[in-house]
Amino acid sequence: MLGLLEVLLQMTKPYKDIEITDSYIIREFDENIDPIELLWHRDDESRIVEIIGKTDWQLQLDNQLPTSLNSHIFIPRHEYHRVIKGTGTLRLKIYKVQADS
């Protein structure tokens, strides 16, 4: 059962985590999301993003042009990036890349 803090945090995010495992997260962005909610941000770990299905949504990394999500994309740790809304619902499989110790 989720605690109150986890529920409140999930409510403020522009996506819904459908499945969370030790190796990946399946994340969904609803087709009705307001594009203003898709903010530039950075994550504390590197990630590999894989699209589930086909989409015209895009990903933009810092200082780069937007790119298609229809192939695997590597996002380095602490690099600013954002999702750009397309049509339909976006479903992603996100793999967190473990840093070398």
Protein backbone atom coordinates (compact mmCIF):
# COMPACT_ATOMS: atom_id res chain seq x y z
CA MET A 1 0.00 0.00 0.00
CA LEU A 2 1.34 3.42 -0.95
CA GLY A 3 1.94 5.95 1.78
CA LEU A 4 0.36 9.40 1.64
CA LEU A 5 3.60 11.01 0.43
CA GLU A 6 3.92 8.55 -2.46
CA VAL A 7 0.29 9.13 -3.46
CA LEU A 8 0.75 12.93 -3.41
CA LEU A 9 3.97 12.71 -5.44
CA GLN A 10 2.31 10.47 -8.03
CA MET A 11 -0.56 12.96 -8.36
CA THR A 12 1.85 15.81 -9.24
CA LYS A 13 3.74 13.90 -11.94
CA PRO A 14 2.70 14.13 -15.60
CA TYR A 15 2.86 10.34 -15.96
CA LYS A 16 1.68 7.15 -14.32
CA ASP A 17 4.04 4.32 -13.43
CA ILE A 18 2.27 1.16 -14.58
CA GLU A 19 4.87 -1.39 -13.45
CA ILE A 20 8.03 -1.03 -11.33
CA THR A 21 10.61 -3.80 -11.02
CA ASP A 22 14.26 -3.93 -9.97
CA SER A 23 15.36 -3.70 -13.61
CA TYR A 24 12.82 -1.40 -15.31
CA ILE A 25 9.82 0.92 -15.01
CA ILE A 26 6.88 0.99 -17.42
CA ARG A 27 5.65 4.55 -17.56
CA GLU A 28 2.61 6.02 -19.34
CA PHE A 29 1.86 9.57 -20.44
CA ASP A 30 -1.84 10.14 -21.16
CA GLU A 31 -2.90 11.52 -24.53
CA ASN A 32 -4.81 14.32 -22.76
CA ILE A 33 -1.80 15.73 -20.90
CA ASP A 34 -1.20 19.46 -21.22
CA PRO A 35 2.21 19.87 -22.95
CA ILE A 36 3.11 22.57 -20.41
CA GLU A 37 3.42 19.77 -17.81
CA LEU A 38 6.28 18.11 -19.74
CA LEU A 39 9.13 20.03 -18.13
CA TRP A 40 12.87 19.97 -18.67
CA HIS A 41 14.38 17.83 -15.92
CA ARG A 42 17.30 15.57 -15.08
CA ASP A 43 17.58 12.25 -13.30
CA ASP A 44 20.06 10.93 -10.72
CA GLU A 45 20.98 7.90 -12.84
CA SER A 46 21.61 7.17 -16.49
CA ARG A 47 18.69 5.56 -18.33
CA ILE A 48 17.88 3.66 -21.47
CA VAL A 49 14.42 4.42 -22.82
CA GLU A 50 12.54 1.95 -25.01
CA ILE A 51 9.19 2.74 -26.58
CA ILE A 52 6.34 0.25 -26.24
CA GLY A 53 4.53 0.39 -29.58
CA LYS A 54 4.90 3.14 -32.19
CA THR A 55 4.56 6.85 -31.48
CA ASP A 56 5.16 10.34 -32.81
CA TRP A 57 6.10 11.65 -29.35
CA GLN A 58 9.71 12.84 -29.15
CA LEU A 59 12.54 13.20 -26.65
CA GLN A 60 14.82 16.20 -26.53
CA LEU A 61 18.19 16.14 -24.78
CA ASP A 62 19.95 19.33 -23.69
CA ASN A 63 21.46 21.28 -26.62
CA GLN A 64 20.06 18.80 -29.17
CA LEU A 65 17.13 18.73 -31.56
CA PRO A 66 14.12 16.57 -30.66
CA THR A 67 14.46 12.94 -31.73
CA SER A 68 12.08 10.08 -32.40
CA LEU A 69 11.33 7.68 -29.57
CA ASN A 70 10.99 4.75 -32.00
CA SER A 71 14.49 3.47 -31.19
CA HIS A 72 16.34 2.99 -27.89
CA ILE A 73 17.68 6.23 -26.41
CA PHE A 74 20.43 6.58 -23.80
CA ILE A 75 20.01 9.49 -21.36
CA PRO A 76 23.17 10.21 -19.37
CA ARG A 77 22.96 10.89 -15.63
CA HIS A 78 22.13 14.55 -14.81
CA GLU A 79 21.58 15.53 -18.46
CA TYR A 80 18.58 17.79 -18.91
CA HIS A 81 15.88 16.35 -21.16
CA ARG A 82 12.15 16.53 -21.85
CA VAL A 83 9.39 14.62 -23.59
CA ILE A 84 7.55 16.39 -26.41
CA LYS A 85 3.90 15.48 -26.78
CA GLY A 86 2.64 13.67 -29.84
CA THR A 87 -0.68 11.98 -30.54
CA GLY A 88 -2.15 9.16 -28.49
CA THR A 89 -0.84 7.70 -25.26
CA LEU A 90 2.92 7.26 -24.78
CA ARG A 91 4.12 4.10 -23.04
CA LEU A 92 7.82 3.67 -22.22
CA LYS A 93 10.04 1.02 -20.68
CA ILE A 94 12.82 2.74 -18.73
CA TYR A 95 15.95 0.87 -17.65
CA LYS A 96 18.07 2.51 -14.96
CA VAL A 97 21.76 2.06 -15.74
CA GLN A 98 23.81 1.27 -12.64
CA ALA A 99 26.90 3.43 -12.18
CA ASP A 100 30.27 1.72 -11.87
CA SER A 101 31.51 1.75 -8.30
